[in-house]
Amino acid sequence: MEQKPARVRILDAAHELMLTIGLARATTKEIAKAAGCSEAALYKYFPSKEELFVRVLAERLPRLTPLLSSLAAEPGQGTLEDNLTEIARQAALFYEQSFPIGASLYAETQLKRRHDEAMRQMGSGPHMPIRGLDAYLRAEQKAGRVRPDADTFAAASLLLGACAQRAFAYDAADTGQRPPVDDFARRIARTLLGGISVAADHATP
């Protein structure tokens, strides 16, 4: 069986280790070992662990940012309900898979600070999906499908905040299970539409 390219092996190993032991404990040395290459070889493809983390999010998790970018570039396509439902679904899955990776950072304040600074330098970070959804909603506002007085930043924060909450809040519930993602996404989208959509675009149950 042909071996995968080194970059793919590194991403696979990083994804697996970040999921199982957390971002804070997944060192580049351990990732390189799991990928079957040297640490020097790893740095040929990824100049830092933060860069590797960003690539794992972009290439191994649900593709939330490209979806937001494509919708913002072409407002008026599809229905607001369908678009927001798909955004909520992708976001819920993204946070479900990324939360176990990044949660360990919050136990180490200095590491979290360094990580946040590296994210800022790369133009990345957890605020970017909110910015992307805000841009999409503002584009729909200009297209006349979102109320002109709607607070698009608040709406983006509400939708994505709910999706992030789903990643960890429901583990403590009696069932120990998260709400099914498709139903959850549809309900979140419809509820948000009630506050921001123009009357002609309200979804009917």
N, C-alpha and C. Protein backbone atom coordinates (compact mmCIF):
# COMPACT_ATOMS: atom_id res chain seq x y z
N MET A 1 0.84 -1.20 0.00
CA MET A 1 0.00 0.00 0.00
C MET A 1 0.88 1.25 0.00
N GLU A 2 0.58 2.19 -0.91
CA GLU A 2 1.39 3.39 -1.03
C GLU A 2 1.21 4.30 0.18
N GLN A 3 2.33 4.79 0.70
CA GLN A 3 2.28 5.66 1.87
C GLN A 3 1.75 7.04 1.49
N LYS A 4 0.99 7.63 2.39
CA LYS A 4 0.46 8.97 2.16
C LYS A 4 1.60 9.98 2.14
N PRO A 5 1.43 11.10 1.45
CA PRO A 5 2.44 12.16 1.48
C PRO A 5 2.68 12.64 2.91
N ALA A 6 3.88 13.14 3.17
CA ALA A 6 4.27 13.54 4.52
C ALA A 6 3.32 14.58 5.11
N ARG A 7 2.93 15.55 4.31
CA ARG A 7 2.05 16.61 4.83
C ARG A 7 0.72 16.03 5.30
N VAL A 8 0.17 15.09 4.54
CA VAL A 8 -1.09 14.45 4.91
C VAL A 8 -0.93 13.64 6.19
N ARG A 9 0.19 12.90 6.30
CA ARG A 9 0.43 12.11 7.51
C ARG A 9 0.56 13.01 8.74
N ILE A 10 1.22 14.14 8.57
CA ILE A 10 1.39 15.07 9.69
C ILE A 10 0.04 15.63 10.12
N LEU A 11 -0.79 16.02 9.17
CA LEU A 11 -2.11 16.54 9.51
C LEU A 11 -2.97 15.48 10.18
N ASP A 12 -2.91 14.25 9.66
CA ASP A 12 -3.67 13.16 10.27
C ASP A 12 -3.22 12.91 11.71
N ALA A 13 -1.91 12.87 11.90
CA ALA A 13 -1.37 12.61 13.24
C ALA A 13 -1.71 13.75 14.19
N ALA A 14 -1.60 14.98 13.72
CA ALA A 14 -1.90 16.14 14.56
C ALA A 14 -3.37 16.13 14.96
N HIS A 15 -4.24 15.84 14.00
CA HIS A 15 -5.67 15.79 14.28
C HIS A 15 -5.97 14.74 15.34
N GLU A 16 -5.41 13.56 15.19
CA GLU A 16 -5.67 12.47 16.14
C GLU A 16 -5.14 12.81 17.53
N LEU A 17 -3.92 13.32 17.61
CA LEU A 17 -3.33 13.64 18.92
C LEU A 17 -4.05 14.81 19.58
N MET A 18 -4.40 15.82 18.80
CA MET A 18 -5.10 16.96 19.37
C MET A 18 -6.46 16.56 19.91
N LEU A 19 -7.10 15.60 19.26
CA LEU A 19 -8.39 15.11 19.73
C LEU A 19 -8.26 14.27 20.99
N THR A 20 -7.22 13.45 21.06
CA THR A 20 -7.11 12.50 22.16
C THR A 20 -6.44 13.06 23.40
N ILE A 21 -5.40 13.90 23.23
CA ILE A 21 -4.70 14.42 24.41
C ILE A 21 -4.78 15.94 24.53
N GLY A 22 -5.39 16.59 23.52
CA GLY A 22 -5.57 18.04 23.59
C GLY A 22 -4.44 18.81 22.94
N LEU A 23 -4.75 20.02 22.54
CA LEU A 23 -3.77 20.86 21.84
C LEU A 23 -2.57 21.18 22.71
N ALA A 24 -2.80 21.44 23.99
CA ALA A 24 -1.71 21.84 24.89
C ALA A 24 -0.64 20.76 25.02
N ARG A 25 -1.05 19.49 25.04
CA ARG A 25 -0.12 18.39 25.28
C ARG A 25 0.41 17.75 24.00
N ALA A 26 -0.18 18.07 22.88
CA ALA A 26 0.27 17.50 21.60
C ALA A 26 1.47 18.30 21.09
N THR A 27 2.67 17.83 21.40
CA THR A 27 3.87 18.54 20.98
C THR A 27 4.21 18.20 19.53
N THR A 28 4.99 19.07 18.90
CA THR A 28 5.41 18.80 17.53
C THR A 28 6.27 17.54 17.47
N LYS A 29 7.02 17.27 18.51
CA LYS A 29 7.84 16.05 18.55
C LYS A 29 6.96 14.81 18.51
N GLU A 30 5.90 14.80 19.33
CA GLU A 30 4.99 13.66 19.35
C GLU A 30 4.22 13.52 18.04
N ILE A 31 3.83 14.66 17.47
CA ILE A 31 3.10 14.62 16.20
C ILE A 31 3.99 14.06 15.10
N ALA A 32 5.25 14.51 15.05
CA ALA A 32 6.18 14.01 14.03
C ALA A 32 6.40 12.51 14.19
N LYS A 33 6.55 12.07 15.42
CA LYS A 33 6.75 10.64 15.67
C LYS A 33 5.56 9.83 15.19
N ALA A 34 4.34 10.31 15.51
CA ALA A 34 3.14 9.60 15.08
C ALA A 34 2.98 9.60 13.57
N ALA A 35 3.52 10.65 12.92
CA ALA A 35 3.42 10.75 11.47
C ALA A 35 4.52 9.97 10.75
N GLY A 36 5.48 9.46 11.53
CA GLY A 36 6.58 8.71 10.94
C GLY A 36 7.59 9.58 10.23
N CYS A 37 7.83 10.77 10.76
CA CYS A 37 8.82 11.67 10.16
C CYS A 37 9.56 12.39 11.27
N SER A 38 10.58 13.15 10.90
CA SER A 38 11.34 13.90 11.88
C SER A 38 10.64 15.21 12.21
N GLU A 39 11.00 15.80 13.36
CA GLU A 39 10.43 17.09 13.71
C GLU A 39 10.87 18.16 12.71
N ALA A 40 12.09 18.02 12.19
CA ALA A 40 12.57 18.96 11.18
C ALA A 40 11.71 18.89 9.91
N ALA A 41 11.30 17.67 9.55
CA ALA A 41 10.45 17.50 8.38
C ALA A 41 9.09 18.16 8.61
N LEU A 42 8.57 18.04 9.83
CA LEU A 42 7.30 18.68 10.15
C LEU A 42 7.38 20.19 9.93
N TYR A 43 8.49 20.79 10.39
CA TYR A 43 8.62 22.24 10.27
C TYR A 43 8.83 22.70 8.83
N LYS A 44 9.16 21.78 7.93
CA LYS A 44 9.24 22.14 6.51
C LYS A 44 7.85 22.49 5.97
N TYR A 45 6.83 21.83 6.52
CA TYR A 45 5.47 22.05 6.05
C TYR A 45 4.69 23.04 6.90
N PHE A 46 4.99 23.05 8.20
CA PHE A 46 4.25 23.90 9.14
C PHE A 46 5.25 24.62 10.04
N PRO A 47 5.38 25.95 9.92
CA PRO A 47 6.40 26.68 10.66
C PRO A 47 6.18 26.74 12.18
N SER A 48 4.97 26.40 12.64
CA SER A 48 4.69 26.42 14.08
C SER A 48 3.54 25.48 14.38
N LYS A 49 3.40 25.16 15.67
CA LYS A 49 2.27 24.31 16.06
C LYS A 49 0.96 25.05 15.85
N GLU A 50 0.98 26.37 16.02
CA GLU A 50 -0.24 27.14 15.80
C GLU A 50 -0.69 27.07 14.34
N GLU A 51 0.29 27.16 13.43
CA GLU A 51 -0.03 27.03 12.00
C GLU A 51 -0.60 25.64 11.73
N LEU A 52 -0.03 24.63 12.34
CA LEU A 52 -0.52 23.25 12.17
C LEU A 52 -1.95 23.13 12.69
N PHE A 53 -2.22 23.76 13.83
CA PHE A 53 -3.56 23.75 14.41
C PHE A 53 -4.56 24.38 13.45
N VAL A 54 -4.21 25.52 12.87
CA VAL A 54 -5.10 26.21 11.94
C VAL A 54 -5.37 25.34 10.72
N ARG A 55 -4.34 24.66 10.22
CA ARG A 55 -4.54 23.79 9.06
C ARG A 55 -5.39 22.58 9.40
N VAL A 56 -5.26 22.04 10.62
CA VAL A 56 -6.13 20.94 11.05
C VAL A 56 -7.58 21.40 11.04
N LEU A 57 -7.83 22.59 11.60
CA LEU A 57 -9.19 23.12 11.62
C LEU A 57 -9.73 23.30 10.21
N ALA A 58 -8.89 23.81 9.32
CA ALA A 58 -9.33 24.13 7.96
C ALA A 58 -9.50 22.89 7.09
N GLU A 59 -8.68 21.86 7.31
CA GLU A 59 -8.64 20.73 6.39
C GLU A 59 -9.19 19.43 6.95
N ARG A 60 -9.43 19.37 8.25
CA ARG A 60 -9.92 18.11 8.83
C ARG A 60 -11.27 18.26 9.51
N LEU A 61 -11.76 19.48 9.68
CA LEU A 61 -13.03 19.72 10.33
C LEU A 61 -14.03 20.28 9.32
N PRO A 62 -15.33 20.27 9.66
CA PRO A 62 -16.33 20.84 8.74
C PRO A 62 -15.93 22.24 8.29
N ARG A 63 -16.15 22.52 7.00
CA ARG A 63 -15.60 23.72 6.39
C ARG A 63 -16.57 24.91 6.56
N LEU A 64 -16.56 25.46 7.74
CA LEU A 64 -17.46 26.56 8.08
C LEU A 64 -17.05 27.86 7.39
N THR A 65 -15.77 28.22 7.47
CA THR A 65 -15.32 29.50 6.92
C THR A 65 -15.54 29.61 5.41
N PRO A 66 -15.19 28.58 4.61
CA PRO A 66 -15.48 28.68 3.17
C PRO A 66 -16.97 28.84 2.87
N LEU A 67 -17.82 28.18 3.65
CA LEU A 67 -19.26 28.32 3.45
C LEU A 67 -19.70 29.76 3.67
N LEU A 68 -19.23 30.36 4.76
CA LEU A 68 -19.59 31.75 5.06
C LEU A 68 -19.08 32.70 3.98
N SER A 69 -17.86 32.47 3.54
CA SER A 69 -17.27 33.33 2.52
C SER A 69 -18.04 33.26 1.21
N SER A 70 -18.43 32.05 0.81
CA SER A 70 -19.15 31.88 -0.46
C SER A 70 -20.53 32.52 -0.40
N LEU A 71 -21.20 32.40 0.74
CA LEU A 71 -22.53 33.01 0.88
C LEU A 71 -22.44 34.53 0.89
N ALA A 72 -21.44 35.06 1.59
CA ALA A 72 -21.27 36.52 1.65
C ALA A 72 -20.95 37.10 0.27
N ALA A 73 -20.25 36.31 -0.55
CA ALA A 73 -19.87 36.79 -1.89
C ALA A 73 -21.05 36.83 -2.84
N GLU A 74 -22.10 36.01 -2.57
CA GLU A 74 -23.25 35.97 -3.46
C GLU A 74 -24.54 35.99 -2.65
N PRO A 75 -24.86 37.11 -2.02
CA PRO A 75 -26.10 37.20 -1.26
C PRO A 75 -27.31 37.08 -2.18
N GLY A 76 -28.43 36.67 -1.61
CA GLY A 76 -29.64 36.54 -2.41
C GLY A 76 -29.84 35.17 -3.00
N GLN A 77 -28.87 34.28 -2.84
CA GLN A 77 -28.98 32.92 -3.37
C GLN A 77 -29.69 32.04 -2.35
N GLY A 78 -30.58 31.16 -2.82
CA GLY A 78 -31.30 30.28 -1.92
C GLY A 78 -32.22 31.08 -1.01
N THR A 79 -32.74 30.45 0.03
CA THR A 79 -33.55 31.16 1.01
C THR A 79 -32.71 31.43 2.25
N LEU A 80 -33.07 32.46 2.98
CA LEU A 80 -32.36 32.75 4.23
C LEU A 80 -32.46 31.57 5.18
N GLU A 81 -33.64 30.96 5.24
CA GLU A 81 -33.80 29.82 6.17
C GLU A 81 -32.87 28.68 5.81
N ASP A 82 -32.82 28.33 4.54
CA ASP A 82 -31.94 27.23 4.13
C ASP A 82 -30.48 27.58 4.39
N ASN A 83 -30.09 28.79 4.06
CA ASN A 83 -28.70 29.20 4.24
C ASN A 83 -28.30 29.21 5.72
N LEU A 84 -29.14 29.79 6.56
CA LEU A 84 -28.83 29.85 7.98
C LEU A 84 -28.87 28.46 8.62
N THR A 85 -29.76 27.60 8.13
CA THR A 85 -29.80 26.22 8.64
C THR A 85 -28.51 25.49 8.33
N GLU A 86 -28.02 25.66 7.10
CA GLU A 86 -26.77 24.99 6.73
C GLU A 86 -25.59 25.58 7.49
N ILE A 87 -25.58 26.90 7.70
CA ILE A 87 -24.53 27.52 8.50
C ILE A 87 -24.56 26.95 9.92
N ALA A 88 -25.74 26.89 10.51
CA ALA A 88 -25.87 26.37 11.87
C ALA A 88 -25.44 24.91 11.95
N ARG A 89 -25.79 24.13 10.94
CA ARG A 89 -25.40 22.71 10.95
C ARG A 89 -23.89 22.55 10.87
N GLN A 90 -23.26 23.27 9.95
CA GLN A 90 -21.81 23.19 9.81
C GLN A 90 -21.11 23.73 11.06
N ALA A 91 -21.65 24.81 11.62
CA ALA A 91 -21.05 25.39 12.83
C ALA A 91 -21.16 24.44 14.01
N ALA A 92 -22.32 23.81 14.17
CA ALA A 92 -22.52 22.88 15.27
C ALA A 92 -21.53 21.71 15.17
N LEU A 93 -21.35 21.19 13.98
CA LEU A 93 -20.40 20.10 13.78
C LEU A 93 -18.96 20.57 13.98
N PHE A 94 -18.66 21.79 13.50
CA PHE A 94 -17.32 22.34 13.66
C PHE A 94 -16.96 22.48 15.13
N TYR A 95 -17.85 23.08 15.92
CA TYR A 95 -17.56 23.26 17.34
C TYR A 95 -17.53 21.93 18.08
N GLU A 96 -18.39 21.01 17.68
CA GLU A 96 -18.40 19.68 18.31
C GLU A 96 -17.04 19.00 18.16
N GLN A 97 -16.42 19.19 17.00
CA GLN A 97 -15.14 18.52 16.74
C GLN A 97 -13.94 19.34 17.20
N SER A 98 -14.08 20.66 17.23
CA SER A 98 -12.93 21.50 17.61
C SER A 98 -12.85 21.72 19.11
N PHE A 99 -13.97 21.66 19.82
CA PHE A 99 -13.94 21.93 21.25
C PHE A 99 -13.01 20.99 22.01
N PRO A 100 -13.04 19.66 21.76
CA PRO A 100 -12.10 18.79 22.47
C PRO A 100 -10.64 19.08 22.17
N ILE A 101 -10.37 19.65 20.99
CA ILE A 101 -9.00 19.95 20.61
C ILE A 101 -8.47 21.15 21.40
N GLY A 102 -9.26 22.21 21.44
CA GLY A 102 -8.78 23.45 22.03
C GLY A 102 -9.04 23.63 23.52
N ALA A 103 -9.88 22.78 24.09
CA ALA A 103 -10.29 22.98 25.49
C ALA A 103 -9.11 22.96 26.45
N SER A 104 -8.08 22.17 26.16
CA SER A 104 -6.96 22.06 27.10
C SER A 104 -6.18 23.36 27.24
N LEU A 105 -6.29 24.24 26.25
CA LEU A 105 -5.59 25.52 26.33
C LEU A 105 -6.07 26.36 27.51
N TYR A 106 -7.33 26.21 27.86
CA TYR A 106 -7.90 27.05 28.91
C TYR A 106 -7.39 26.66 30.30
N ALA A 107 -6.70 25.54 30.41
CA ALA A 107 -6.13 25.14 31.69
C ALA A 107 -4.72 25.71 31.88
N GLU A 108 -4.16 26.30 30.82
CA GLU A 108 -2.79 26.82 30.89
C GLU A 108 -2.80 28.26 30.36
N THR A 109 -2.90 29.22 31.28
CA THR A 109 -3.12 30.62 30.92
C THR A 109 -2.04 31.18 30.01
N GLN A 110 -0.77 30.93 30.33
CA GLN A 110 0.32 31.49 29.52
C GLN A 110 0.32 30.90 28.12
N LEU A 111 0.07 29.59 28.02
CA LEU A 111 0.02 28.94 26.72
C LEU A 111 -1.15 29.49 25.90
N LYS A 112 -2.27 29.69 26.56
CA LYS A 112 -3.45 30.25 25.88
C LYS A 112 -3.13 31.65 25.35
N ARG A 113 -2.42 32.46 26.13
CA ARG A 113 -2.07 33.81 25.71
C ARG A 113 -1.15 33.78 24.48
N ARG A 114 -0.15 32.89 24.52
CA ARG A 114 0.77 32.77 23.38
C ARG A 114 0.03 32.28 22.14
N HIS A 115 -0.87 31.33 22.35
CA HIS A 115 -1.63 30.79 21.24
C HIS A 115 -2.53 31.86 20.62
N ASP A 116 -3.20 32.66 21.46
CA ASP A 116 -4.07 33.72 20.95
C ASP A 116 -3.27 34.75 20.15
N GLU A 117 -2.09 35.09 20.63
CA GLU A 117 -1.25 36.05 19.92
C GLU A 117 -0.82 35.49 18.57
N ALA A 118 -0.47 34.21 18.53
CA ALA A 118 -0.10 33.59 17.26
C ALA A 118 -1.28 33.58 16.29
N MET A 119 -2.48 33.32 16.80
CA MET A 119 -3.67 33.33 15.96
C MET A 119 -3.90 34.73 15.37
N ARG A 120 -3.72 35.75 16.19
CA ARG A 120 -3.90 37.12 15.70
C ARG A 120 -2.92 37.44 14.58
N GLN A 121 -1.67 37.01 14.74
CA GLN A 121 -0.66 37.28 13.74
C GLN A 121 -0.98 36.57 12.42
N MET A 122 -1.66 35.43 12.51
CA MET A 122 -2.03 34.68 11.30
C MET A 122 -3.39 35.10 10.76
N GLY A 123 -4.05 36.05 11.42
CA GLY A 123 -5.37 36.48 10.98
C GLY A 123 -6.42 35.41 11.19
N SER A 124 -6.25 34.64 12.25
CA SER A 124 -7.19 33.56 12.54
C SER A 124 -7.68 33.69 13.98
N GLY A 125 -8.53 32.76 14.39
CA GLY A 125 -9.02 32.78 15.76
C GLY A 125 -10.52 32.51 15.82
N PRO A 126 -11.05 32.24 17.01
CA PRO A 126 -12.46 31.87 17.15
C PRO A 126 -13.44 32.99 16.82
N HIS A 127 -12.95 34.23 16.72
CA HIS A 127 -13.83 35.34 16.36
C HIS A 127 -14.11 35.41 14.86
N MET A 128 -13.32 34.70 14.07
CA MET A 128 -13.45 34.83 12.62
C MET A 128 -14.78 34.32 12.07
N PRO A 129 -15.33 33.18 12.55
CA PRO A 129 -16.65 32.78 12.04
C PRO A 129 -17.73 33.82 12.34
N ILE A 130 -17.67 34.47 13.52
CA ILE A 130 -18.65 35.52 13.83
C ILE A 130 -18.51 36.65 12.82
N ARG A 131 -17.28 37.04 12.54
CA ARG A 131 -17.04 38.09 11.56
C ARG A 131 -17.55 37.67 10.18
N GLY A 132 -17.34 36.41 9.81
CA GLY A 132 -17.80 35.93 8.51
C GLY A 132 -19.31 35.89 8.40
N LEU A 133 -19.99 35.44 9.46
CA LEU A 133 -21.45 35.40 9.43
C LEU A 133 -22.03 36.81 9.46
N ASP A 134 -21.41 37.69 10.21
CA ASP A 134 -21.83 39.10 10.22
C ASP A 134 -21.74 39.68 8.81
N ALA A 135 -20.65 39.38 8.11
CA ALA A 135 -20.48 39.89 6.74
C ALA A 135 -21.57 39.35 5.82
N TYR A 136 -21.92 38.07 5.98
CA TYR A 136 -22.98 37.49 5.16
C TYR A 136 -24.32 38.16 5.45
N LEU A 137 -24.64 38.34 6.72
CA LEU A 137 -25.92 38.95 7.08
C LEU A 137 -26.00 40.41 6.62
N ARG A 138 -24.87 41.12 6.68
CA ARG A 138 -24.85 42.50 6.18
C ARG A 138 -25.07 42.53 4.67
N ALA A 139 -24.50 41.54 3.98
CA ALA A 139 -24.71 41.46 2.53
C ALA A 139 -26.19 41.20 2.22
N GLU A 140 -26.83 40.34 3.01
CA GLU A 140 -28.26 40.07 2.81
C GLU A 140 -29.09 41.29 3.21
N GLN A 141 -28.59 42.06 4.15
CA GLN A 141 -29.26 43.30 4.54
C GLN A 141 -29.28 44.27 3.36
N LYS A 142 -28.15 44.40 2.69
CA LYS A 142 -28.07 45.28 1.52
C LYS A 142 -28.94 44.76 0.38
N ALA A 143 -29.10 43.43 0.32
CA ALA A 143 -29.94 42.83 -0.72
C ALA A 143 -31.42 42.91 -0.38
N GLY A 144 -31.74 43.39 0.82
CA GLY A 144 -33.14 43.59 1.19
C GLY A 144 -33.81 42.40 1.83
N ARG A 145 -33.05 41.37 2.20
CA ARG A 145 -33.67 40.18 2.79
C ARG A 145 -33.53 40.14 4.32
N VAL A 146 -32.69 41.01 4.87
CA VAL A 146 -32.56 41.17 6.32
C VAL A 146 -33.01 42.57 6.67
N ARG A 147 -33.79 42.69 7.73
CA ARG A 147 -34.32 43.99 8.12
C ARG A 147 -33.22 45.04 8.24
N PRO A 148 -33.46 46.25 7.77
CA PRO A 148 -32.41 47.29 7.82
C PRO A 148 -32.00 47.68 9.23
N ASP A 149 -32.89 47.46 10.21
CA ASP A 149 -32.54 47.81 11.59
C ASP A 149 -31.99 46.63 12.38
N ALA A 150 -31.80 45.48 11.72
CA ALA A 150 -31.31 44.28 12.43
C ALA A 150 -29.84 44.46 12.82
N ASP A 151 -29.50 44.00 14.00
CA ASP A 151 -28.11 44.03 14.48
C ASP A 151 -27.44 42.73 14.01
N THR A 152 -26.74 42.81 12.89
CA THR A 152 -26.20 41.61 12.27
C THR A 152 -25.09 40.98 13.11
N PHE A 153 -24.30 41.79 13.79
CA PHE A 153 -23.24 41.24 14.64
C PHE A 153 -23.85 40.46 15.81
N ALA A 154 -24.88 41.01 16.43
CA ALA A 154 -25.54 40.31 17.52
C ALA A 154 -26.19 39.02 17.02
N ALA A 155 -26.80 39.08 15.84
CA ALA A 155 -27.43 37.88 15.28
C ALA A 155 -26.40 36.80 15.00
N ALA A 156 -25.25 37.18 14.43
CA ALA A 156 -24.18 36.22 14.17
C ALA A 156 -23.67 35.61 15.47
N SER A 157 -23.52 36.45 16.49
CA SER A 157 -23.03 35.97 17.79
C SER A 157 -24.02 35.02 18.42
N LEU A 158 -25.32 35.29 18.28
CA LEU A 158 -26.34 34.42 18.85
C LEU A 158 -26.34 33.05 18.17
N LEU A 159 -26.31 33.04 16.84
CA LEU A 159 -26.35 31.75 16.14
C LEU A 159 -25.12 30.91 16.45
N LEU A 160 -23.95 31.51 16.31
CA LEU A 160 -22.73 30.73 16.52
C LEU A 160 -22.52 30.42 17.99
N GLY A 161 -22.97 31.30 18.87
CA GLY A 161 -22.88 31.01 20.29
C GLY A 161 -23.71 29.81 20.67
N ALA A 162 -24.90 29.70 20.10
CA ALA A 162 -25.76 28.54 20.36
C ALA A 162 -25.10 27.26 19.86
N CYS A 163 -24.47 27.34 18.69
CA CYS A 163 -23.80 26.16 18.13
C CYS A 163 -22.61 25.75 18.98
N ALA A 164 -21.88 26.73 19.51
CA ALA A 164 -20.75 26.42 20.39
C ALA A 164 -21.25 25.80 21.69
N GLN A 165 -22.35 26.31 22.22
CA GLN A 165 -22.91 25.75 23.45
C GLN A 165 -23.28 24.28 23.28
N ARG A 166 -23.80 23.95 22.11
CA ARG A 166 -24.19 22.56 21.86
C ARG A 166 -23.01 21.61 22.01
N ALA A 167 -21.79 22.11 21.78
CA ALA A 167 -20.60 21.26 21.82
C ALA A 167 -20.30 20.72 23.21
N PHE A 168 -20.75 21.44 24.25
CA PHE A 168 -20.38 20.96 25.59
C PHE A 168 -21.50 21.05 26.62
N ALA A 169 -22.50 21.89 26.42
CA ALA A 169 -23.49 22.11 27.47
C ALA A 169 -24.38 20.90 27.72
N TYR A 170 -24.66 20.12 26.68
CA TYR A 170 -25.65 19.07 26.82
C TYR A 170 -25.09 17.75 27.32
N ASP A 171 -23.77 17.65 27.46
CA ASP A 171 -23.20 16.42 28.01
C ASP A 171 -23.67 16.19 29.44
N ALA A 172 -24.02 17.28 30.14
CA ALA A 172 -24.46 17.16 31.53
C ALA A 172 -25.97 16.94 31.66
N ALA A 173 -26.69 16.93 30.56
CA ALA A 173 -28.13 16.73 30.60
C ALA A 173 -28.46 15.30 31.01
N ASP A 174 -29.72 15.07 31.34
CA ASP A 174 -30.14 13.73 31.81
C ASP A 174 -29.81 12.65 30.79
N THR A 175 -29.98 12.96 29.52
CA THR A 175 -29.72 11.96 28.48
C THR A 175 -28.23 11.83 28.19
N GLY A 176 -27.45 12.87 28.51
CA GLY A 176 -26.02 12.85 28.20
C GLY A 176 -25.75 12.96 26.71
N GLN A 177 -26.75 13.44 25.96
CA GLN A 177 -26.60 13.52 24.51
C GLN A 177 -26.90 14.92 24.01
N ARG A 178 -26.22 15.30 22.94
CA ARG A 178 -26.49 16.58 22.30
C ARG A 178 -27.76 16.47 21.47
N PRO A 179 -28.46 17.60 21.27
CA PRO A 179 -29.61 17.57 20.35
C PRO A 179 -29.15 17.16 18.96
N PRO A 180 -29.94 16.35 18.25
CA PRO A 180 -29.58 15.96 16.88
C PRO A 180 -29.28 17.20 16.04
N VAL A 181 -28.17 17.15 15.30
CA VAL A 181 -27.66 18.36 14.66
C VAL A 181 -28.61 18.95 13.63
N ASP A 182 -29.29 18.12 12.83
CA ASP A 182 -30.15 18.67 11.78
C ASP A 182 -31.35 19.41 12.37
N ASP A 183 -31.99 18.80 13.37
CA ASP A 183 -33.13 19.44 14.01
C ASP A 183 -32.70 20.70 14.76
N PHE A 184 -31.57 20.61 15.44
CA PHE A 184 -31.02 21.76 16.17
C PHE A 184 -30.77 22.93 15.24
N ALA A 185 -30.12 22.66 14.11
CA ALA A 185 -29.78 23.73 13.15
C ALA A 185 -31.03 24.38 12.60
N ARG A 186 -32.02 23.58 12.27
CA ARG A 186 -33.26 24.13 11.71
C ARG A 186 -33.97 25.03 12.72
N ARG A 187 -34.02 24.60 13.98
CA ARG A 187 -34.72 25.38 15.01
C ARG A 187 -33.97 26.69 15.31
N ILE A 188 -32.65 26.62 15.36
CA ILE A 188 -31.86 27.83 15.61
C ILE A 188 -32.06 28.82 14.47
N ALA A 189 -32.03 28.34 13.23
CA ALA A 189 -32.19 29.23 12.08
C ALA A 189 -33.56 29.89 12.07
N ARG A 190 -34.61 29.11 12.32
CA ARG A 190 -35.97 29.66 12.30
C ARG A 190 -36.16 30.69 13.41
N THR A 191 -35.61 30.41 14.58
CA THR A 191 -35.75 31.35 15.69
C THR A 191 -35.03 32.66 15.38
N LEU A 192 -33.83 32.56 14.80
CA LEU A 192 -33.08 33.77 14.45
C LEU A 192 -33.81 34.57 13.38
N LEU A 193 -34.40 33.87 12.41
CA LEU A 193 -35.12 34.55 11.33
C LEU A 193 -36.26 35.40 11.86
N GLY A 194 -36.89 34.94 12.95
CA GLY A 194 -37.99 35.68 13.52
C GLY A 194 -37.58 37.07 13.97
N GLY A 195 -36.30 37.27 14.23
CA GLY A 195 -35.83 38.56 14.69
C GLY A 195 -35.20 39.43 13.62
N ILE A 196 -34.73 38.84 12.53
CA ILE A 196 -33.97 39.64 11.56
C ILE A 196 -34.54 39.65 10.14
N SER A 197 -35.40 38.70 9.81
CA SER A 197 -35.87 38.60 8.43
C SER A 197 -36.95 39.62 8.12
N VAL A 198 -36.96 40.12 6.89
CA VAL A 198 -38.09 40.93 6.46
C VAL A 198 -39.31 40.02 6.36
N ALA A 199 -40.50 40.60 6.45
CA ALA A 199 -41.72 39.80 6.56
C ALA A 199 -41.89 38.83 5.40
N ALA A 200 -41.50 39.24 4.19
CA ALA A 200 -41.71 38.39 3.01
C ALA A 200 -40.85 37.14 3.04
N ASP A 201 -39.79 37.15 3.87
CA ASP A 201 -38.88 36.00 3.88
C ASP A 201 -39.03 35.15 5.13
N HIS A 202 -40.05 35.42 5.95
CA HIS A 202 -40.26 34.58 7.13
C HIS A 202 -40.55 33.15 6.71
N ALA A 203 -39.94 32.23 7.43
CA ALA A 203 -40.18 30.82 7.14
C ALA A 203 -41.53 30.42 7.70
N THR A 204 -42.22 29.54 7.00
CA THR A 204 -43.47 29.00 7.53
C THR A 204 -43.19 27.64 8.10
N PRO A 205 -43.69 27.34 9.31
CA PRO A 205 -43.42 26.06 9.96
C PRO A 205 -43.94 24.91 9.11
